[in-house]
Amino acid sequence: MDGESGDSEDSEDEDEEEGEAGSPVLQLRKVAHHGCVNRIRSMAQNPHICASWADSGHVQIWDFTAHLNALAESETEGTQGSSVFNQAPLVNFRGHKDEGYAIDWSPVVAGRLVTGDCKNCIHLWEPTSDSTWNVDATPFVGHSASVEDLQWSPTEPHAFVSCSVDGTIAIWDVRIGKSPAASFKAHDADVNVISWNRQASCMLASGSDDGTFSIHDFRLLKDGNTVVAHFKYHKYPVTSIEWSPHEASTLAVSSSDNQLTIWDLSLEKDEEEEAEFKAQTSEQVNAPVDLPPQLLFVHQGQKDLKELHWHAQIPGMIVSTAADGFNILMPSNIQSTLPSNGS
């Protein structure tokens, strides 16, 4: 009995050691930033280069190469800790008249950047080297209120779109002047966020302050109405929207109602399945009724959701940020047409 007891204790000790060895370790490298960070974006072609918007009205560009290398080394060493580094940015642009949130790197031309502020001005940045930029002092102006988000075309080097508190979306061509090539009413409230589909470049998604989001088809611009789908599921402002990089018909939406939803726009309403589902849930308390057939998944549990991004390499994986931290989720029932909570 003593021998068996000893073996059991040794086994438990080994399990504990293995559990400790397998515990996640968070590595941090902190860089001091001038002002609160409103939004930050990394360059797709060179992810170690990042641009940030500050609440002080400054736009800064950073080279985080040394920090990324240090994190890679610390992972192999198994050490844990964090430090704050007083690193100078590559560029500190003060030409905007107010703070802003809109910022986007071109996926076609490495280093090309646009930034938009709360005074309706958009500035174009052109790279002159790997560490310097020429910022056009004359802004693009076409909105009557704050520019909330910007998106470069996934295929055209000179085209980008913007959305605004004025409820409109504008399409720009940097070769033809400082006014939009086209503009259209997108929502009845502020347009907070937009996402240009990189798998189907004629499609744009927009999210509004009234909780709705719409899908636009640029091929319908001449007809005067670009909206091909409009959804009213969320009850509070849409804070982030993004198309999947792997599925042309799939997108994710986050809202101030503390929900992140995933949608597949290729799905259509099936009357027989809907009737069967309602029959099965008719006796349940607070059973969901009339859910959009395109709604695949609902993620809850975070407070004050701010932003989401699909993982570039892992299909179906999403990172979401909120006031109480960030989540990494990968819905297990992504093929289902019925939503469930994730974590």
Protein backbone atom coordinates (compact mmCIF):
# COMPACT_ATOMS: atom_id res chain seq x y z
CA MET A 1 0.00 0.00 0.00
CA ASP A 2 2.85 2.37 0.87
CA GLY A 3 4.44 1.75 -2.52
CA GLU A 4 1.17 2.38 -4.32
CA SER A 5 0.66 5.58 -2.35
CA GLY A 6 4.15 6.79 -3.21
CA ASP A 7 3.61 6.06 -6.89
CA SER A 8 0.36 8.00 -6.79
CA GLU A 9 2.02 11.01 -5.16
CA ASP A 10 4.85 10.95 -7.71
CA SER A 11 2.31 10.83 -10.51
CA GLU A 12 0.44 13.81 -9.08
CA ASP A 13 3.69 15.78 -8.75
CA GLU A 14 4.55 15.02 -12.37
CA ASP A 15 1.10 16.14 -13.49
CA GLU A 16 1.47 19.39 -11.56
CA GLU A 17 4.90 20.02 -13.10
CA GLU A 18 3.56 19.32 -16.58
CA GLY A 19 0.61 21.66 -15.95
CA GLU A 20 2.95 24.42 -14.80
CA ALA A 21 5.21 23.91 -17.80
CA GLY A 22 2.24 24.12 -20.15
CA SER A 23 0.73 27.25 -18.62
CA PRO A 24 0.50 30.23 -20.98
CA VAL A 25 3.05 32.99 -20.50
CA LEU A 26 2.26 36.52 -21.65
CA GLN A 27 5.23 38.46 -22.99
CA LEU A 28 4.96 42.26 -23.10
CA ARG A 29 6.99 45.08 -24.63
CA LYS A 30 5.49 48.50 -23.92
CA VAL A 31 6.35 51.66 -25.85
CA ALA A 32 5.49 55.12 -24.48
CA HIS A 33 3.00 56.88 -26.78
CA HIS A 34 2.31 60.61 -27.12
CA GLY A 35 -1.34 60.83 -26.05
CA CYS A 36 -4.07 58.21 -25.83
CA VAL A 37 -4.05 55.72 -28.73
CA ASN A 38 -7.27 56.15 -30.72
CA ARG A 39 -6.43 53.52 -33.34
CA ILE A 40 -3.37 51.65 -34.56
CA ARG A 41 -2.67 49.80 -37.82
CA SER A 42 0.29 47.77 -39.06
CA MET A 43 1.51 47.84 -42.65
CA ALA A 44 0.56 44.59 -44.42
CA GLN A 45 3.80 44.40 -46.41
CA ASN A 46 5.99 45.22 -43.38
CA PRO A 47 4.04 44.38 -40.19
CA HIS A 48 6.79 45.76 -37.93
CA ILE A 49 5.86 49.26 -39.18
CA CYS A 50 2.76 50.66 -37.43
CA ALA A 51 0.83 53.92 -37.64
CA SER A 52 -1.15 55.28 -34.68
CA TRP A 53 -3.71 58.02 -34.12
CA ALA A 54 -3.42 59.96 -30.84
CA ASP A 55 -6.13 61.94 -29.06
CA SER A 56 -3.68 64.86 -29.13
CA GLY A 57 -4.19 65.11 -32.90
CA HIS A 58 -0.80 63.58 -33.75
CA VAL A 59 -0.32 60.69 -36.18
CA GLN A 60 2.83 58.70 -35.49
CA ILE A 61 4.65 55.94 -37.38
CA TRP A 62 6.70 53.40 -35.46
CA ASP A 63 9.28 50.74 -36.20
CA PHE A 64 8.71 47.88 -33.76
CA THR A 65 11.34 45.52 -35.24
CA ALA A 66 13.51 45.43 -32.10
CA HIS A 67 10.52 44.68 -29.86
CA LEU A 68 9.20 41.87 -32.06
CA ASN A 69 12.66 40.31 -32.19
CA ALA A 70 12.99 40.59 -28.40
CA LEU A 71 9.62 38.86 -27.92
CA ALA A 72 10.68 36.03 -30.22
CA GLU A 73 13.86 35.56 -28.20
CA SER A 74 12.12 35.77 -24.82
CA GLU A 75 9.69 33.04 -25.94
CA THR A 76 12.56 30.59 -26.35
CA GLU A 77 14.11 31.66 -23.04
CA GLY A 78 10.82 31.21 -21.16
CA THR A 79 11.15 34.48 -19.24
CA GLN A 80 8.27 36.75 -18.36
CA GLY A 81 8.10 40.47 -17.77
CA SER A 82 7.38 43.88 -19.26
CA SER A 83 9.15 47.20 -19.65
CA VAL A 84 8.22 50.63 -20.98
CA PHE A 85 10.52 51.97 -23.69
CA ASN A 86 10.83 55.65 -24.56
CA GLN A 87 11.25 55.13 -28.27
CA ALA A 88 10.99 57.99 -30.73
CA PRO A 89 8.57 57.47 -33.64
CA LEU A 90 9.85 57.51 -37.21
CA VAL A 91 7.34 60.26 -38.00
CA ASN A 92 5.22 62.51 -35.79
CA PHE A 93 2.74 64.38 -38.02
CA ARG A 94 0.98 67.41 -36.51
CA GLY A 95 -0.79 68.63 -39.65
CA HIS A 96 -4.32 67.48 -38.72
CA LYS A 97 -6.54 70.14 -37.16
CA ASP A 98 -8.13 67.72 -34.69
CA GLU A 99 -7.81 64.17 -33.39
CA GLY A 100 -9.12 61.29 -35.47
CA TYR A 101 -9.73 57.56 -35.79
CA ALA A 102 -9.63 56.89 -39.54
CA ILE A 103 -6.38 55.34 -40.76
CA ASP A 104 -5.45 52.68 -43.33
CA TRP A 105 -2.39 51.35 -45.15
CA SER A 106 -2.64 50.48 -48.83
CA PRO A 107 -2.53 46.70 -49.44
CA VAL A 108 -1.31 47.39 -53.00
CA VAL A 109 1.39 50.07 -52.56
CA ALA A 110 3.72 49.44 -49.62
CA GLY A 111 3.95 52.44 -47.31
CA ARG A 112 1.05 54.43 -48.81
CA LEU A 113 -1.25 55.66 -46.01
CA VAL A 114 -4.35 57.80 -45.51
CA THR A 115 -5.47 59.40 -42.25
CA GLY A 116 -8.75 61.19 -41.52
CA ASP A 117 -9.71 63.45 -38.63
CA CYS A 118 -12.79 64.73 -36.79
CA LYS A 119 -12.67 67.99 -38.78
CA ASN A 120 -13.51 66.12 -42.05
CA CYS A 121 -9.96 66.29 -43.50
CA ILE A 122 -8.07 63.36 -45.06
CA HIS A 123 -4.30 63.43 -45.66
CA LEU A 124 -2.34 61.21 -48.03
CA TRP A 125 1.05 59.84 -47.01
CA GLU A 126 3.57 58.74 -49.67
CA PRO A 127 6.72 56.84 -48.65
CA THR A 128 10.03 58.39 -49.73
CA SER A 129 12.15 55.66 -48.10
CA ASP A 130 11.74 52.82 -45.61
CA SER A 131 11.62 55.31 -42.73
CA THR A 132 10.40 58.62 -44.18
CA TRP A 133 7.11 59.86 -45.65
CA ASN A 134 5.89 62.89 -47.52
CA VAL A 135 2.48 63.97 -46.17
CA ASP A 136 0.39 66.05 -48.56
CA ALA A 137 -0.40 69.27 -46.72
CA THR A 138 -3.55 69.85 -48.79
CA PRO A 139 -6.29 67.54 -47.46
CA PHE A 140 -8.98 65.66 -49.32
CA VAL A 141 -12.32 67.22 -48.31
CA GLY A 142 -15.73 65.83 -49.24
CA HIS A 143 -17.57 65.13 -46.00
CA SER A 144 -19.48 67.68 -43.93
CA ALA A 145 -18.58 66.04 -40.61
CA SER A 146 -16.00 63.80 -38.93
CA VAL A 147 -14.29 61.12 -41.04
CA GLU A 148 -14.75 57.91 -39.04
CA ASP A 149 -13.03 55.22 -41.13
CA LEU A 150 -10.95 54.72 -44.28
CA GLN A 151 -10.32 51.73 -46.53
CA TRP A 152 -7.97 51.37 -49.49
CA SER A 153 -9.06 49.34 -52.50
CA PRO A 154 -7.74 45.76 -52.35
CA THR A 155 -6.93 45.90 -56.08
CA GLU A 156 -6.55 49.54 -57.21
CA PRO A 157 -3.48 51.52 -56.05
CA HIS A 158 -5.13 54.96 -56.32
CA ALA A 159 -8.62 54.33 -54.89
CA PHE A 160 -9.89 54.48 -51.32
CA VAL A 161 -13.23 54.99 -49.57
CA SER A 162 -14.20 56.95 -46.48
CA CYS A 163 -17.23 57.08 -44.20
CA SER A 164 -18.48 59.88 -42.01
CA VAL A 165 -20.75 61.08 -39.24
CA ASP A 166 -22.70 62.80 -42.04
CA GLY A 167 -24.11 59.38 -42.99
CA THR A 168 -22.30 59.13 -46.32
CA ILE A 169 -19.61 57.04 -47.95
CA ALA A 170 -17.22 58.71 -50.42
CA ILE A 171 -15.05 57.09 -53.09
CA TRP A 172 -11.76 58.79 -53.90
CA ASP A 173 -9.14 58.62 -56.66
CA VAL A 174 -5.91 60.30 -55.56
CA ARG A 175 -5.05 61.13 -59.20
CA ILE A 176 -8.05 63.38 -59.89
CA GLY A 177 -7.98 66.05 -57.20
CA LYS A 178 -9.10 66.60 -53.63
CA SER A 179 -12.84 65.97 -54.08
CA PRO A 180 -14.52 62.55 -54.08
CA ALA A 181 -15.09 60.76 -57.38
CA ALA A 182 -18.47 59.65 -56.01
CA SER A 183 -20.48 59.92 -52.81
CA PHE A 184 -23.71 58.35 -51.61
CA LYS A 185 -25.99 58.23 -48.57
CA ALA A 186 -25.26 54.98 -46.72
CA HIS A 187 -27.18 55.17 -43.41
CA ASP A 188 -29.65 57.41 -41.60
CA ALA A 189 -27.15 57.82 -38.74
CA ASP A 190 -23.37 58.14 -38.36
CA VAL A 191 -21.37 55.65 -40.44
CA ASN A 192 -18.82 54.39 -37.92
CA VAL A 193 -16.89 51.69 -39.78
CA ILE A 194 -16.39 50.22 -43.25
CA SER A 195 -14.68 47.13 -44.69
CA TRP A 196 -13.72 46.53 -48.33
CA ASN A 197 -14.05 42.87 -49.35
CA ARG A 198 -10.66 41.60 -50.50
CA GLN A 199 -12.14 38.45 -52.01
CA ALA A 200 -14.88 40.29 -53.94
CA SER A 201 -13.65 43.83 -54.56
CA CYS A 202 -17.04 45.16 -55.72
CA MET A 203 -18.47 44.68 -52.20
CA LEU A 204 -18.22 47.03 -49.23
CA ALA A 205 -19.70 46.60 -45.73
CA SER A 206 -20.65 49.56 -43.51
CA GLY A 207 -21.74 49.76 -39.87
CA SER A 208 -23.78 52.57 -38.34
CA ASP A 209 -24.42 54.28 -35.01
CA ASP A 210 -28.04 53.03 -35.10
CA GLY A 211 -26.85 49.39 -34.87
CA THR A 212 -27.53 48.53 -38.51
CA PHE A 213 -25.03 47.38 -41.10
CA SER A 214 -25.30 47.28 -44.87
CA ILE A 215 -23.66 45.57 -47.81
CA HIS A 216 -22.95 47.76 -50.85
CA ASP A 217 -22.21 46.71 -54.42
CA PHE A 218 -20.16 49.33 -56.28
CA ARG A 219 -21.50 48.01 -59.60
CA LEU A 220 -24.83 49.64 -58.70
CA LEU A 221 -23.44 53.16 -58.27
CA LYS A 222 -25.00 54.34 -61.51
CA ASP A 223 -28.41 53.15 -60.33
CA GLY A 224 -28.21 55.43 -57.29
CA ASN A 225 -28.69 52.70 -54.66
CA THR A 226 -25.72 50.48 -53.80
CA VAL A 227 -27.35 48.57 -50.92
CA VAL A 228 -27.86 44.86 -51.64
CA ALA A 229 -28.46 43.79 -48.01
CA HIS A 230 -29.36 45.62 -44.79
CA PHE A 231 -29.43 44.11 -41.29
CA LYS A 232 -31.00 45.43 -38.06
CA TYR A 233 -29.93 42.74 -35.58
CA HIS A 234 -27.75 44.84 -33.24
CA LYS A 235 -29.47 47.30 -30.88
CA TYR A 236 -26.53 49.64 -30.24
CA PRO A 237 -23.81 51.25 -32.38
CA VAL A 238 -21.68 49.02 -34.59
CA THR A 239 -18.06 49.47 -33.46
CA SER A 240 -16.22 47.22 -35.93
CA ILE A 241 -16.89 45.29 -39.11
CA GLU A 242 -14.60 43.12 -41.22
CA TRP A 243 -14.88 40.66 -44.10
CA SER A 244 -13.24 37.29 -43.70
CA PRO A 245 -9.93 37.05 -45.61
CA HIS A 246 -10.78 33.44 -46.51
CA GLU A 247 -14.51 33.43 -47.36
CA ALA A 248 -15.93 36.11 -49.66
CA SER A 249 -19.45 35.89 -48.22
CA THR A 250 -18.52 35.88 -44.51
CA LEU A 251 -18.07 38.88 -42.25
CA ALA A 252 -17.96 39.68 -38.53
CA VAL A 253 -19.57 42.59 -36.69
CA SER A 254 -19.11 43.93 -33.15
CA SER A 255 -21.44 46.30 -31.34
CA SER A 256 -21.85 48.33 -28.17
CA ASP A 257 -24.55 45.81 -27.21
CA ASN A 258 -21.62 43.57 -26.10
CA GLN A 259 -22.10 41.10 -28.93
CA LEU A 260 -19.85 39.94 -31.74
CA THR A 261 -21.72 38.29 -34.59
CA ILE A 262 -20.58 36.28 -37.60
CA TRP A 263 -22.62 36.29 -40.81
CA ASP A 264 -22.67 34.26 -44.03
CA LEU A 265 -24.43 36.27 -46.71
CA SER A 266 -24.62 33.30 -49.08
CA LEU A 267 -27.30 31.69 -46.91
CA GLU A 268 -30.97 32.15 -47.74
CA LYS A 269 -34.15 31.68 -45.77
CA ASP A 270 -35.43 28.10 -45.65
CA GLU A 271 -39.15 28.08 -44.78
CA GLU A 272 -39.23 24.39 -43.74
CA GLU A 273 -36.19 24.65 -41.45
CA GLU A 274 -37.54 27.86 -39.89
CA ALA A 275 -40.90 26.24 -39.15
CA GLU A 276 -39.20 23.22 -37.60
CA PHE A 277 -36.92 25.42 -35.49
CA LYS A 278 -39.85 27.49 -34.18
CA ALA A 279 -41.76 24.32 -33.30
CA GLN A 280 -38.79 22.98 -31.35
CA THR A 281 -38.28 26.20 -29.40
CA SER A 282 -41.91 27.24 -28.90
CA GLU A 283 -41.95 25.96 -25.31
CA GLN A 284 -38.64 27.55 -24.31
CA VAL A 285 -38.49 30.78 -22.35
CA ASN A 286 -37.05 33.68 -24.33
CA ALA A 287 -36.57 31.44 -27.34
CA PRO A 288 -35.05 33.25 -30.33
CA VAL A 289 -37.60 34.02 -33.01
CA ASP A 290 -37.10 35.27 -36.56
CA LEU A 291 -33.31 35.23 -36.45
CA PRO A 292 -31.74 36.19 -39.78
CA PRO A 293 -30.75 33.03 -41.67
CA GLN A 294 -27.37 34.61 -42.43
CA LEU A 295 -26.49 34.83 -38.71
CA LEU A 296 -24.03 32.01 -37.94
CA PHE A 297 -22.66 32.76 -34.49
CA VAL A 298 -23.01 35.12 -31.52
CA HIS A 299 -20.10 35.71 -29.15
CA GLN A 300 -20.93 37.30 -25.77
CA GLY A 301 -19.21 37.95 -22.46
CA GLN A 302 -17.07 40.98 -23.29
CA LYS A 303 -17.95 44.50 -22.19
CA ASP A 304 -17.76 47.53 -24.47
CA LEU A 305 -16.46 45.74 -27.58
CA LYS A 306 -14.22 48.01 -29.64
CA GLU A 307 -12.63 46.12 -32.51
CA LEU A 308 -12.30 42.73 -34.16
CA HIS A 309 -9.93 41.20 -36.69
CA TRP A 310 -9.86 37.88 -38.50
CA HIS A 311 -6.65 35.88 -38.24
CA ALA A 312 -4.77 36.17 -41.53
CA GLN A 313 -3.47 32.58 -41.51
CA ILE A 314 -6.02 30.57 -39.50
CA PRO A 315 -9.47 30.43 -41.19
CA GLY A 316 -12.34 31.17 -38.82
CA MET A 317 -10.25 32.59 -35.97
CA ILE A 318 -11.06 36.08 -34.65
CA VAL A 319 -9.41 38.39 -32.11
CA SER A 320 -11.71 40.90 -30.40
CA THR A 321 -10.80 43.75 -28.07
CA ALA A 322 -12.99 45.26 -25.37
CA ALA A 323 -12.79 47.44 -22.29
CA ASP A 324 -12.21 44.34 -20.13
CA GLY A 325 -9.54 42.71 -22.29
CA PHE A 326 -9.30 40.74 -25.52
CA ASN A 327 -10.61 37.37 -26.64
CA ILE A 328 -9.36 34.89 -29.20
CA LEU A 329 -12.22 32.77 -30.51
CA MET A 330 -12.83 30.18 -33.16
CA PRO A 331 -16.51 29.19 -33.48
CA SER A 332 -16.95 25.42 -33.48
CA ASN A 333 -20.37 25.60 -35.13
CA ILE A 334 -19.45 27.94 -37.97
CA GLN A 335 -21.36 25.73 -40.40
CA SER A 336 -24.55 26.00 -38.37
CA THR A 337 -27.26 28.51 -39.24
CA LEU A 338 -28.20 28.86 -35.56
CA PRO A 339 -26.18 31.10 -33.23
CA SER A 340 -24.62 30.03 -29.95
CA ASN A 341 -22.50 31.78 -27.34
CA GLY A 342 -18.74 31.55 -27.65
CA SER A 343 -15.85 32.39 -25.43
